[in-house]
Amino acid sequence: FGESSGAMAVGALLGTPAARGLFRRAILQSGAAHNVSTPEQAERIAARLLSELELASRDVERLWEIPPAVLLKAQRRTAERLVGKIAGTAWQPQIDGDLIPESPLAVAAKGHNPGVDLLVGTNADEMKFWGITDRRARNLDEARLRRRLIRNLPGSDEERVERAEAVVRAYRDARSGRASIEPSELWFAIETDRLFRVPAIRLAEAHASTSAATYAYLFTWPSPALRGWLGACHTLEIPFVFGTQRLPALRRLVGAGPDADRLSARIQDAWIAFARDGVPALPKGEPWPPYELKQRETVQLDRSVEILETPLDAEREFWEGIL
């Protein structure tokens, strides 16, 4: 099991024929099976990196001569300049027709992992983790919100403009009962779904269509940090998984106390039961329902543990045919 890039690595292993039979179960926390590059995208990234280093493609062997510090700076500049221009991140596994013959998501949809039980989930406010350092994201107006969305959404230039308007409308409508819906709130919600929740849903859908052993969760425990603004941000579930929520360095982030200890114990029980038996455990022996395409049963992990059906479904529906 893994979290974030670790979960994305697990997702890649699900699409790796050489790994079949080497594991029976997989837990993906805040990562799924989307993060692989096509050969064409990988070539584009490599060309950009060589350009940053002022090397031609015929000089690729000279990469061995580049000092690590220089190479790392070039990697960072390459990633920054490709934001919004490529799918996923710059540095991720490549579909090569051999080790990773096709998209791991396609592999799951074809039922090539019949013996692997799956537990996959995300945190409710993943993208607020990056809002800590991205102050502009915390103070967006409507125009800047749309400019950011146009840059990040998939499709042609015209499609991205149309989708930016549509996604703002869809997410605002889904929150119509709230007194105030700031552009920054929409940004973090949209990006959380685009990069984390919807890819997790796609993997759960693909796996559940060929195997009943698919389980989903949504972690919603809010961090008290930054006066509660962080919410259930990226990485926040990790202390609960490992039982480290009481450590002095984490107490302010997690909000330690009896409720936090209880949630940690429940998550640990669920993860251990899944590793042991293939079925995550719920309090008082209640069964964790498998994920199905109609009800989309998802267990909410918070001060109480609840079974949700079709959570945040209006937002999910927007992404049909897009992601």
C-alpha atoms as a PDB file:
ATOM      1  CA  PHE A   1       0.000   0.000   0.000  1.00  0.00           C
ATOM      2  CA  GLY A   2       1.030   3.583  -0.454  1.00  0.00           C
ATOM      3  CA  GLU A   3      -0.030   7.219  -0.249  1.00  0.00           C
ATOM      4  CA  SER A   4       0.119   9.929  -2.923  1.00  0.00           C
ATOM      5  CA  SER A   5       3.019   9.033  -5.255  1.00  0.00           C
ATOM      6  CA  GLY A   6       3.231   5.766  -3.335  1.00  0.00           C
ATOM      7  CA  ALA A   7      -0.389   5.018  -4.253  1.00  0.00           C
ATOM      8  CA  MET A   8       0.330   6.001  -7.850  1.00  0.00           C
ATOM      9  CA  ALA A   9       3.205   3.500  -7.811  1.00  0.00           C
ATOM     10  CA  VAL A  10       0.787   0.840  -6.564  1.00  0.00           C
ATOM     11  CA  GLY A  11      -1.565   1.819  -9.395  1.00  0.00           C
ATOM     12  CA  ALA A  12       1.251   1.353 -11.904  1.00  0.00           C
ATOM     13  CA  LEU A  13       2.047  -2.072 -10.429  1.00  0.00           C
ATOM     14  CA  LEU A  14      -1.582  -3.063 -10.997  1.00  0.00           C
ATOM     15  CA  GLY A  15      -0.899  -2.554 -14.710  1.00  0.00           C
ATOM     16  CA  THR A  16       2.454  -4.350 -14.750  1.00  0.00           C
ATOM     17  CA  PRO A  17       2.248  -7.960 -16.040  1.00  0.00           C
ATOM     18  CA  ALA A  18       5.597  -8.782 -14.422  1.00  0.00           C
ATOM     19  CA  ALA A  19       4.067  -8.049 -11.002  1.00  0.00           C
ATOM     20  CA  ARG A  20       1.061 -10.351 -11.372  1.00  0.00           C
ATOM     21  CA  GLY A  21       0.907 -12.971  -8.676  1.00  0.00           C
ATOM     22  CA  LEU A  22       3.354 -11.124  -6.425  1.00  0.00           C
ATOM     23  CA  PHE A  23       0.662  -9.484  -4.268  1.00  0.00           C
ATOM     24  CA  ARG A  24      -2.955 -10.295  -3.434  1.00  0.00           C
ATOM     25  CA  ARG A  25      -4.192  -6.969  -2.124  1.00  0.00           C
ATOM     26  CA  ALA A  26      -3.579  -3.278  -2.684  1.00  0.00           C
ATOM     27  CA  ILE A  27      -4.456  -0.121  -0.738  1.00  0.00           C
ATOM     28  CA  LEU A  28      -4.216   3.207  -2.555  1.00  0.00           C
ATOM     29  CA  GLN A  29      -4.427   6.344  -0.403  1.00  0.00           C
ATOM     30  CA  SER A  30      -4.841   9.543  -2.445  1.00  0.00           C
ATOM     31  CA  GLY A  31      -3.529   8.098  -5.690  1.00  0.00           C
ATOM     32  CA  ALA A  32      -4.827   5.813  -8.421  1.00  0.00           C
ATOM     33  CA  ALA A  33      -3.921   4.412 -11.847  1.00  0.00           C
ATOM     34  CA  HIS A  34      -3.862   7.561 -14.000  1.00  0.00           C
ATOM     35  CA  ASN A  35      -0.272   8.624 -13.474  1.00  0.00           C
ATOM     36  CA  VAL A  36       1.564   7.165 -16.435  1.00  0.00           C
ATOM     37  CA  SER A  37       2.851   8.936 -19.545  1.00  0.00           C
ATOM     38  CA  THR A  38       2.249   7.869 -23.107  1.00  0.00           C
ATOM     39  CA  PRO A  39       5.420   7.370 -25.186  1.00  0.00           C
ATOM     40  CA  GLU A  40       4.669  10.649 -26.979  1.00  0.00           C
ATOM     41  CA  GLN A  41       4.336  12.569 -23.723  1.00  0.00           C
ATOM     42  CA  ALA A  42       7.503  10.982 -22.309  1.00  0.00           C
ATOM     43  CA  GLU A  43       9.437  12.077 -25.404  1.00  0.00           C
ATOM     44  CA  ARG A  44       8.131  15.608 -24.999  1.00  0.00           C
ATOM     45  CA  ILE A  45       9.216  15.706 -21.359  1.00  0.00           C
ATOM     46  CA  ALA A  46      12.650  14.329 -22.215  1.00  0.00           C
ATOM     47  CA  ALA A  47      13.092  16.904 -24.986  1.00  0.00           C
ATOM     48  CA  ARG A  48      12.144  19.698 -22.587  1.00  0.00           C
ATOM     49  CA  LEU A  49      14.652  18.460 -20.007  1.00  0.00           C
ATOM     50  CA  LEU A  50      17.444  18.249 -22.593  1.00  0.00           C
ATOM     51  CA  SER A  51      16.590  21.762 -23.734  1.00  0.00           C
ATOM     52  CA  GLU A  52      16.845  23.048 -20.149  1.00  0.00           C
ATOM     53  CA  LEU A  53      20.337  21.517 -20.037  1.00  0.00           C
ATOM     54  CA  GLU A  54      21.232  22.884 -23.487  1.00  0.00           C
ATOM     55  CA  LEU A  55      21.705  19.369 -24.844  1.00  0.00           C
ATOM     56  CA  ALA A  56      20.584  17.925 -28.172  1.00  0.00           C
ATOM     57  CA  SER A  57      18.854  14.551 -28.389  1.00  0.00           C
ATOM     58  CA  ARG A  58      22.046  13.053 -29.823  1.00  0.00           C
ATOM     59  CA  ASP A  59      23.830  14.138 -26.621  1.00  0.00           C
ATOM     60  CA  VAL A  60      21.625  12.150 -24.250  1.00  0.00           C
ATOM     61  CA  GLU A  61      24.598  10.157 -22.930  1.00  0.00           C
ATOM     62  CA  ARG A  62      26.031  13.395 -21.573  1.00  0.00           C
ATOM     63  CA  LEU A  63      23.335  13.341 -18.902  1.00  0.00           C
ATOM     64  CA  TRP A  64      25.734  11.129 -16.948  1.00  0.00           C
ATOM     65  CA  GLU A  65      28.130  14.072 -16.767  1.00  0.00           C
ATOM     66  CA  ILE A  66      25.631  16.573 -15.342  1.00  0.00           C
ATOM     67  CA  PRO A  67      26.180  17.406 -11.638  1.00  0.00           C
ATOM     68  CA  PRO A  68      23.167  16.253  -9.558  1.00  0.00           C
ATOM     69  CA  ALA A  69      22.343  19.773  -8.357  1.00  0.00           C
ATOM     70  CA  VAL A  70      22.190  21.061 -11.943  1.00  0.00           C
ATOM     71  CA  LEU A  71      20.072  18.110 -13.030  1.00  0.00           C
ATOM     72  CA  LEU A  72      17.613  18.633 -10.169  1.00  0.00           C
ATOM     73  CA  LYS A  73      17.182  22.316 -11.068  1.00  0.00           C
ATOM     74  CA  ALA A  74      16.542  21.361 -14.687  1.00  0.00           C
ATOM     75  CA  GLN A  75      13.989  18.782 -13.585  1.00  0.00           C
ATOM     76  CA  ARG A  76      12.164  21.391 -11.509  1.00  0.00           C
ATOM     77  CA  ARG A  77      12.132  23.933 -14.358  1.00  0.00           C
ATOM     78  CA  THR A  78      10.899  21.264 -16.764  1.00  0.00           C
ATOM     79  CA  ALA A  79       8.013  20.337 -14.486  1.00  0.00           C
ATOM     80  CA  GLU A  80       7.070  23.998 -13.957  1.00  0.00           C
ATOM     81  CA  ARG A  81       7.041  24.789 -17.676  1.00  0.00           C
ATOM     82  CA  LEU A  82       4.876  21.758 -18.492  1.00  0.00           C
ATOM     83  CA  VAL A  83       2.119  22.513 -15.974  1.00  0.00           C
ATOM     84  CA  GLY A  84      -1.186  22.419 -17.814  1.00  0.00           C
ATOM     85  CA  LYS A  85       0.473  21.122 -20.986  1.00  0.00           C
ATOM     86  CA  ILE A  86       0.735  17.418 -20.117  1.00  0.00           C
ATOM     87  CA  ALA A  87      -1.442  14.817 -18.414  1.00  0.00           C
ATOM     88  CA  GLY A  88      -0.378  14.096 -14.838  1.00  0.00           C
ATOM     89  CA  THR A  89       3.065  15.025 -13.613  1.00  0.00           C
ATOM     90  CA  ALA A  90       6.303  15.283 -15.556  1.00  0.00           C
ATOM     91  CA  TRP A  91       8.108  12.526 -13.660  1.00  0.00           C
ATOM     92  CA  GLN A  92       6.037   9.359 -13.708  1.00  0.00           C
ATOM     93  CA  PRO A  93       6.204   5.864 -15.249  1.00  0.00           C
ATOM     94  CA  GLN A  94       5.897   5.553 -19.015  1.00  0.00           C
ATOM     95  CA  ILE A  95       3.749   3.187 -21.050  1.00  0.00           C
ATOM     96  CA  ASP A  96       6.471   1.371 -22.958  1.00  0.00           C
ATOM     97  CA  GLY A  97       4.662  -1.650 -24.386  1.00  0.00           C
ATOM     98  CA  ASP A  98       6.694  -3.967 -22.159  1.00  0.00           C
ATOM     99  CA  LEU A  99       6.962  -3.328 -18.426  1.00  0.00           C
ATOM    100  CA  ILE A 100       3.818  -1.186 -18.594  1.00  0.00           C
ATOM    101  CA  PRO A 101       2.181  -2.289 -21.859  1.00  0.00           C
ATOM    102  CA  GLU A 102      -0.870   0.008 -21.581  1.00  0.00           C
ATOM    103  CA  SER A 103      -2.709   2.230 -19.139  1.00  0.00           C
ATOM    104  CA  PRO A 104      -3.064   0.503 -15.753  1.00  0.00           C
ATOM    105  CA  LEU A 105      -6.666   1.722 -15.728  1.00  0.00           C
ATOM    106  CA  ALA A 106      -7.306  -0.126 -18.994  1.00  0.00           C
ATOM    107  CA  VAL A 107      -5.699  -3.232 -17.513  1.00  0.00           C
ATOM    108  CA  ALA A 108      -8.078  -3.054 -14.535  1.00  0.00           C
ATOM    109  CA  ALA A 109     -11.084  -2.599 -16.830  1.00  0.00           C
ATOM    110  CA  LYS A 110     -10.101  -5.717 -18.777  1.00  0.00           C
ATOM    111  CA  GLY A 111     -10.115  -7.779 -15.601  1.00  0.00           C
ATOM    112  CA  HIS A 112      -6.403  -8.594 -15.635  1.00  0.00           C
ATOM    113  CA  ASN A 113      -6.206  -8.337 -11.825  1.00  0.00           C
ATOM    114  CA  PRO A 114      -8.842 -10.911 -10.803  1.00  0.00           C
ATOM    115  CA  GLY A 115      -6.930 -12.109  -7.745  1.00  0.00           C
ATOM    116  CA  VAL A 116      -6.181  -8.662  -6.296  1.00  0.00           C
ATOM    117  CA  ASP A 117      -8.487  -7.146  -3.665  1.00  0.00           C
ATOM    118  CA  LEU A 118      -8.587  -3.346  -3.769  1.00  0.00           C
ATOM    119  CA  LEU A 119      -9.128  -0.596  -1.191  1.00  0.00           C
ATOM    120  CA  VAL A 120      -8.924   2.932  -2.595  1.00  0.00           C
ATOM    121  CA  GLY A 121      -9.840   6.355  -1.260  1.00  0.00           C
ATOM    122  CA  THR A 122      -9.060  10.043  -0.938  1.00  0.00           C
ATOM    123  CA  ASN A 123      -9.264  12.942   1.493  1.00  0.00           C
ATOM    124  CA  ALA A 124     -12.042  15.493   1.204  1.00  0.00           C
ATOM    125  CA  ASP A 125      -9.773  18.544   0.806  1.00  0.00           C
ATOM    126  CA  GLU A 126      -6.634  17.120  -0.814  1.00  0.00           C
ATOM    127  CA  MET A 127      -5.539  20.257  -2.662  1.00  0.00           C
ATOM    128  CA  LYS A 128      -5.561  22.528   0.358  1.00  0.00           C
ATOM    129  CA  PHE A 129      -2.212  20.959   1.271  1.00  0.00           C
ATOM    130  CA  TRP A 130      -0.697  22.912  -1.648  1.00  0.00           C
ATOM    131  CA  GLY A 131      -2.623  26.002  -0.652  1.00  0.00           C
ATOM    132  CA  ILE A 132      -0.235  26.367   2.285  1.00  0.00           C
ATOM    133  CA  THR A 133       2.447  27.661  -0.086  1.00  0.00           C
ATOM    134  CA  ASP A 134       0.175  28.863  -2.921  1.00  0.00           C
ATOM    135  CA  ARG A 135      -1.169  32.051  -1.352  1.00  0.00           C
ATOM    136  CA  ARG A 136      -2.661  33.213  -4.640  1.00  0.00           C
ATOM    137  CA  ALA A 137      -4.901  30.146  -4.688  1.00  0.00           C
ATOM    138  CA  ARG A 138      -6.288  31.215  -1.323  1.00  0.00           C
ATOM    139  CA  ASN A 139      -7.314  34.628  -2.673  1.00  0.00           C
ATOM    140  CA  LEU A 140      -8.744  34.015  -6.128  1.00  0.00           C
ATOM    141  CA  ASP A 141     -11.375  36.139  -7.818  1.00  0.00           C
ATOM    142  CA  GLU A 142     -13.703  34.776 -10.490  1.00  0.00           C
ATOM    143  CA  ALA A 143     -11.447  35.743 -13.404  1.00  0.00           C
ATOM    144  CA  ARG A 144      -8.303  34.201 -11.931  1.00  0.00           C
ATOM    145  CA  LEU A 145     -10.238  31.054 -11.005  1.00  0.00           C
ATOM    146  CA  ARG A 146     -11.264  30.585 -14.617  1.00  0.00           C
ATOM    147  CA  ARG A 147      -7.762  31.299 -15.934  1.00  0.00           C
ATOM    148  CA  ARG A 148      -6.361  28.583 -13.692  1.00  0.00           C
ATOM    149  CA  LEU A 149      -9.047  26.125 -14.708  1.00  0.00           C
ATOM    150  CA  ILE A 150      -8.570  26.789 -18.415  1.00  0.00           C
ATOM    151  CA  ARG A 151      -4.874  26.025 -18.001  1.00  0.00           C
ATOM    152  CA  ASN A 152      -5.469  22.741 -16.160  1.00  0.00           C
ATOM    153  CA  LEU A 153      -8.540  21.179 -17.750  1.00  0.00           C
ATOM    154  CA  PRO A 154      -8.056  18.653 -20.584  1.00  0.00           C
ATOM    155  CA  GLY A 155      -9.141  19.250 -24.165  1.00  0.00           C
ATOM    156  CA  SER A 156      -8.648  21.764 -26.944  1.00  0.00           C
ATOM    157  CA  ASP A 157      -8.416  25.498 -26.214  1.00  0.00           C
ATOM    158  CA  GLU A 158     -12.112  25.930 -26.970  1.00  0.00           C
ATOM    159  CA  GLU A 159     -13.089  22.908 -24.894  1.00  0.00           C
ATOM    160  CA  ARG A 160     -11.090  24.129 -21.907  1.00  0.00           C
ATOM    161  CA  VAL A 161     -12.853  27.496 -21.951  1.00  0.00           C
ATOM    162  CA  GLU A 162     -16.264  25.824 -22.113  1.00  0.00           C
ATOM    163  CA  ARG A 163     -15.354  23.312 -19.422  1.00  0.00           C
ATOM    164  CA  ALA A 164     -14.066  26.000 -17.089  1.00  0.00           C
ATOM    165  CA  GLU A 165     -17.449  27.712 -17.176  1.00  0.00           C
ATOM    166  CA  ALA A 166     -19.288  24.406 -16.841  1.00  0.00           C
ATOM    167  CA  VAL A 167     -17.255  23.103 -13.900  1.00  0.00           C
ATOM    168  CA  VAL A 168     -17.645  26.357 -11.943  1.00  0.00           C
ATOM    169  CA  ARG A 169     -21.379  26.220 -12.536  1.00  0.00           C
ATOM    170  CA  ALA A 170     -21.619  22.539 -11.568  1.00  0.00           C
ATOM    171  CA  TYR A 171     -19.635  22.890  -8.346  1.00  0.00           C
ATOM    172  CA  ARG A 172     -21.385  26.103  -7.343  1.00  0.00           C
ATOM    173  CA  ASP A 173     -24.790  24.491  -7.940  1.00  0.00           C
ATOM    174  CA  ALA A 174     -23.747  21.512  -5.801  1.00  0.00           C
ATOM    175  CA  ARG A 175     -23.048  23.968  -2.968  1.00  0.00           C
ATOM    176  CA  SER A 176     -26.142  26.112  -3.523  1.00  0.00           C
ATOM    177  CA  GLY A 177     -27.257  25.776   0.102  1.00  0.00           C
ATOM    178  CA  ARG A 178     -24.228  27.601   1.446  1.00  0.00           C
ATOM    179  CA  ALA A 179     -24.315  31.295   2.257  1.00  0.00           C
ATOM    180  CA  SER A 180     -21.018  32.114   0.537  1.00  0.00           C
ATOM    181  CA  ILE A 181     -19.083  30.174  -2.082  1.00  0.00           C
ATOM    182  CA  GLU A 182     -15.727  31.816  -2.680  1.00  0.00           C
ATOM    183  CA  PRO A 183     -13.755  31.222  -5.905  1.00  0.00           C
ATOM    184  CA  SER A 184     -10.879  29.761  -3.868  1.00  0.00           C
ATOM    185  CA  GLU A 185     -13.205  27.209  -2.280  1.00  0.00           C
ATOM    186  CA  LEU A 186     -14.304  26.095  -5.739  1.00  0.00           C
ATOM    187  CA  TRP A 187     -10.693  25.888  -6.930  1.00  0.00           C
ATOM    188  CA  PHE A 188      -9.617  23.528  -4.166  1.00  0.00           C
ATOM    189  CA  ALA A 189     -12.733  21.381  -4.524  1.00  0.00           C
ATOM    190  CA  ILE A 190     -12.412  21.099  -8.304  1.00  0.00           C
ATOM    191  CA  GLU A 191      -8.693  20.306  -8.223  1.00  0.00           C
ATOM    192  CA  THR A 192      -9.171  17.782  -5.413  1.00  0.00           C
ATOM    193  CA  ASP A 193     -11.628  15.914  -7.605  1.00  0.00           C
ATOM    194  CA  ARG A 194      -9.672  16.306 -10.858  1.00  0.00           C
ATOM    195  CA  LEU A 195      -6.380  15.051  -9.483  1.00  0.00           C
ATOM    196  CA  PHE A 196      -7.445  12.660  -6.727  1.00  0.00           C
ATOM    197  CA  ARG A 197     -11.075  11.699  -6.148  1.00  0.00           C
ATOM    198  CA  VAL A 198     -12.188  11.114  -9.742  1.00  0.00           C
ATOM    199  CA  PRO A 199      -9.095   9.037 -10.653  1.00  0.00           C
ATOM    200  CA  ALA A 200      -9.776   6.941  -7.529  1.00  0.00           C
ATOM    201  CA  ILE A 201     -13.388   6.532  -8.611  1.00  0.00           C
ATOM    202  CA  ARG A 202     -12.294   5.490 -12.112  1.00  0.00           C
ATOM    203  CA  LEU A 203     -10.045   2.794 -10.656  1.00  0.00           C
ATOM    204  CA  ALA A 204     -12.790   1.576  -8.317  1.00  0.00           C
ATOM    205  CA  GLU A 205     -15.232   1.475 -11.237  1.00  0.00           C
ATOM    206  CA  ALA A 206     -12.846  -0.450 -13.466  1.00  0.00           C
ATOM    207  CA  HIS A 207     -11.885  -2.938 -10.761  1.00  0.00           C
ATOM    208  CA  ALA A 208     -15.450  -3.428  -9.493  1.00  0.00           C
ATOM    209  CA  SER A 209     -16.686  -4.182 -13.001  1.00  0.00           C
ATOM    210  CA  THR A 210     -14.577  -7.349 -13.046  1.00  0.00           C
ATOM    211  CA  SER A 211     -14.143  -8.127  -9.337  1.00  0.00           C
ATOM    212  CA  ALA A 212     -16.393  -7.769  -6.275  1.00  0.00           C
ATOM    213  CA  ALA A 213     -13.393  -7.243  -3.992  1.00  0.00           C
ATOM    214  CA  THR A 214     -13.335  -3.442  -4.308  1.00  0.00           C
ATOM    215  CA  TYR A 215     -13.750  -1.068  -1.373  1.00  0.00           C
ATOM    216  CA  ALA A 216     -13.756   2.734  -1.190  1.00  0.00           C
ATOM    217  CA  TYR A 217     -13.333   5.340   1.534  1.00  0.00           C
ATOM    218  CA  LEU A 218     -13.530   9.119   1.942  1.00  0.00           C
ATOM    219  CA  PHE A 219     -11.444  10.602   4.760  1.00  0.00           C
ATOM    220  CA  THR A 220     -13.114  13.782   6.097  1.00  0.00           C
ATOM    221  CA  TRP A 221     -11.462  14.370   9.495  1.00  0.00           C
ATOM    222  CA  PRO A 222     -10.647  18.125   9.528  1.00  0.00           C
ATOM    223  CA  SER A 223      -7.297  19.472  10.645  1.00  0.00           C
ATOM    224  CA  PRO A 224      -7.507  22.287  13.198  1.00  0.00           C
ATOM    225  CA  ALA A 225      -4.430  23.939  11.656  1.00  0.00           C
ATOM    226  CA  LEU A 226      -4.739  27.409  10.108  1.00  0.00           C
ATOM    227  CA  ARG A 227      -7.960  27.912  12.097  1.00  0.00           C
ATOM    228  CA  GLY A 228      -9.513  24.894  10.439  1.00  0.00           C
ATOM    229  CA  TRP A 229      -8.903  26.095   6.900  1.00  0.00           C
ATOM    230  CA  LEU A 230      -6.873  23.003   5.884  1.00  0.00           C
ATOM    231  CA  GLY A 231      -9.802  20.647   6.287  1.00  0.00           C
ATOM    232  CA  ALA A 232      -9.053  17.012   5.415  1.00  0.00           C
ATOM    233  CA  CYS A 233      -6.006  17.910   3.349  1.00  0.00           C
ATOM    234  CA  HIS A 234      -3.554  15.689   1.501  1.00  0.00           C
ATOM    235  CA  THR A 235      -1.429  13.459   3.801  1.00  0.00           C
ATOM    236  CA  LEU A 236      -3.616  14.084   6.869  1.00  0.00           C
ATOM    237  CA  GLU A 237      -4.724  10.439   7.107  1.00  0.00           C
ATOM    238  CA  ILE A 238      -1.153   9.114   7.369  1.00  0.00           C
ATOM    239  CA  PRO A 239      -0.745   9.662  11.163  1.00  0.00           C
ATOM    240  CA  PHE A 240      -4.033   7.826  11.703  1.00  0.00           C
ATOM    241  CA  VAL A 241      -2.847   4.851   9.641  1.00  0.00           C
ATOM    242  CA  PHE A 242       0.389   4.532  11.622  1.00  0.00           C
ATOM    243  CA  GLY A 243      -0.949   5.616  15.008  1.00  0.00           C
ATOM    244  CA  THR A 244       1.383   8.598  15.262  1.00  0.00           C
ATOM    245  CA  GLN A 245      -1.292  11.245  15.795  1.00  0.00           C
ATOM    246  CA  ARG A 246      -0.062  11.870  19.362  1.00  0.00           C
ATOM    247  CA  LEU A 247       3.496  12.789  18.375  1.00  0.00           C
ATOM    248  CA  PRO A 248       4.303  16.386  19.403  1.00  0.00           C
ATOM    249  CA  ALA A 249       5.212  17.323  15.834  1.00  0.00           C
ATOM    250  CA  LEU A 250       1.774  16.199  14.589  1.00  0.00           C
ATOM    251  CA  ARG A 251      -0.638  17.121  17.390  1.00  0.00           C
ATOM    252  CA  ARG A 252      -1.404  20.612  16.071  1.00  0.00           C
ATOM    253  CA  LEU A 253      -1.892  19.341  12.547  1.00  0.00           C
ATOM    254  CA  VAL A 254      -4.072  16.368  13.468  1.00  0.00           C
ATOM    255  CA  GLY A 255      -5.936  17.639  16.513  1.00  0.00           C
ATOM    256  CA  ALA A 256      -5.034  14.900  18.977  1.00  0.00           C
ATOM    257  CA  GLY A 257      -7.481  13.637  21.584  1.00  0.00           C
ATOM    258  CA  PRO A 258      -9.826  10.724  22.318  1.00  0.00           C
ATOM    259  CA  ASP A 259     -11.709  11.111  19.026  1.00  0.00           C
ATOM    260  CA  ALA A 260      -8.456  11.105  17.048  1.00  0.00           C
ATOM    261  CA  ASP A 261      -7.218   8.020  18.913  1.00  0.00           C
ATOM    262  CA  ARG A 262     -10.522   6.263  18.252  1.00  0.00           C
ATOM    263  CA  LEU A 263     -10.385   7.072  14.530  1.00  0.00           C
ATOM    264  CA  SER A 264      -6.786   5.899  14.300  1.00  0.00           C
ATOM    265  CA  ALA A 265      -7.679   2.580  15.933  1.00  0.00           C
ATOM    266  CA  ARG A 266     -10.582   2.116  13.527  1.00  0.00           C
ATOM    267  CA  ILE A 267      -8.453   2.848  10.465  1.00  0.00           C
ATOM    268  CA  GLN A 268      -5.726   0.513  11.671  1.00  0.00           C
ATOM    269  CA  ASP A 269      -8.291  -2.231  12.325  1.00  0.00           C
ATOM    270  CA  ALA A 270      -9.703  -1.738   8.813  1.00  0.00           C
ATOM    271  CA  TRP A 271      -6.314  -1.767   7.072  1.00  0.00           C
ATOM    272  CA  ILE A 272      -5.075  -4.793   9.027  1.00  0.00           C
ATOM    273  CA  ALA A 273      -8.283  -6.764   8.435  1.00  0.00           C
ATOM    274  CA  PHE A 274      -8.059  -5.974   4.735  1.00  0.00           C
ATOM    275  CA  ALA A 275      -4.442  -7.135   4.592  1.00  0.00           C
ATOM    276  CA  ARG A 276      -5.319 -10.305   6.479  1.00  0.00           C
ATOM    277  CA  ASP A 277      -8.712 -11.272   5.026  1.00  0.00           C
ATOM    278  CA  GLY A 278      -9.346  -9.041   2.012  1.00  0.00           C
ATOM    279  CA  VAL A 279     -12.265  -7.250   3.723  1.00  0.00           C
ATOM    280  CA  PRO A 280     -11.695  -4.033   5.720  1.00  0.00           C
ATOM    281  CA  ALA A 281     -13.281  -4.013   9.180  1.00  0.00           C
ATOM    282  CA  LEU A 282     -15.820  -1.544  10.560  1.00  0.00           C
ATOM    283  CA  PRO A 283     -16.676  -0.879  14.220  1.00  0.00           C
ATOM    284  CA  LYS A 284     -18.868  -3.460  16.006  1.00  0.00           C
ATOM    285  CA  GLY A 285     -18.354  -6.013  13.261  1.00  0.00           C
ATOM    286  CA  GLU A 286     -20.485  -4.133  10.728  1.00  0.00           C
ATOM    287  CA  PRO A 287     -19.616  -5.228   7.184  1.00  0.00           C
ATOM    288  CA  TRP A 288     -17.794  -2.764   4.906  1.00  0.00           C
ATOM    289  CA  PRO A 289     -19.885  -2.896   1.725  1.00  0.00           C
ATOM    290  CA  PRO A 290     -18.111  -3.517  -1.576  1.00  0.00           C
ATOM    291  CA  TYR A 291     -18.068  -0.701  -4.110  1.00  0.00           C
ATOM    292  CA  GLU A 292     -20.753  -1.093  -6.772  1.00  0.00           C
ATOM    293  CA  LEU A 293     -21.405   1.114  -9.767  1.00  0.00           C
ATOM    294  CA  LYS A 294     -24.995   1.996  -8.847  1.00  0.00           C
ATOM    295  CA  GLN A 295     -24.788   2.840  -5.142  1.00  0.00           C
ATOM    296  CA  ARG A 296     -21.044   3.624  -5.058  1.00  0.00           C
ATOM    297  CA  GLU A 297     -20.833   2.606  -1.403  1.00  0.00           C
ATOM    298  CA  THR A 298     -18.077   4.591   0.277  1.00  0.00           C
ATOM    299  CA  VAL A 299     -17.089   4.544   3.944  1.00  0.00           C
ATOM    300  CA  GLN A 300     -16.597   7.992   5.447  1.00  0.00           C
ATOM    301  CA  LEU A 301     -13.773   8.103   7.983  1.00  0.00           C
ATOM    302  CA  ASP A 302     -14.279  10.848  10.563  1.00  0.00           C
ATOM    303  CA  ARG A 303     -15.289  11.193  14.215  1.00  0.00           C
ATOM    304  CA  SER A 304     -17.947   8.648  13.342  1.00  0.00           C
ATOM    305  CA  VAL A 305     -17.605   6.026  10.626  1.00  0.00           C
ATOM    306  CA  GLU A 306     -20.519   6.154   8.196  1.00  0.00           C
ATOM    307  CA  ILE A 307     -21.492   4.284   5.041  1.00  0.00           C
ATOM    308  CA  LEU A 308     -22.311   6.747   2.257  1.00  0.00           C
ATOM    309  CA  GLU A 309     -24.103   6.043  -1.009  1.00  0.00           C
ATOM    310  CA  THR A 310     -23.209   8.070  -4.117  1.00  0.00           C
ATOM    311  CA  PRO A 311     -21.254  10.734  -2.173  1.00  0.00           C
ATOM    312  CA  LEU A 312     -20.655  14.075  -3.938  1.00  0.00           C
ATOM    313  CA  ASP A 313     -22.385  12.629  -6.968  1.00  0.00           C
ATOM    314  CA  ALA A 314     -23.236  15.879  -8.760  1.00  0.00           C
ATOM    315  CA  GLU A 315     -19.538  16.735  -8.888  1.00  0.00           C
ATOM    316  CA  ARG A 316     -18.637  13.214 -10.021  1.00  0.00           C
ATOM    317  CA  GLU A 317     -21.158  13.383 -12.858  1.00  0.00           C
ATOM    318  CA  PHE A 318     -19.507  16.493 -14.279  1.00  0.00           C
ATOM    319  CA  TRP A 319     -16.334  14.552 -15.052  1.00  0.00           C
ATOM    320  CA  GLU A 320     -18.056  11.811 -17.045  1.00  0.00           C
ATOM    321  CA  GLY A 321     -16.507  11.784 -20.500  1.00  0.00           C
ATOM    322  CA  ILE A 322     -13.745  14.194 -19.411  1.00  0.00           C
ATOM    323  CA  LEU A 323     -11.577  12.143 -17.028  1.00  0.00           C
END
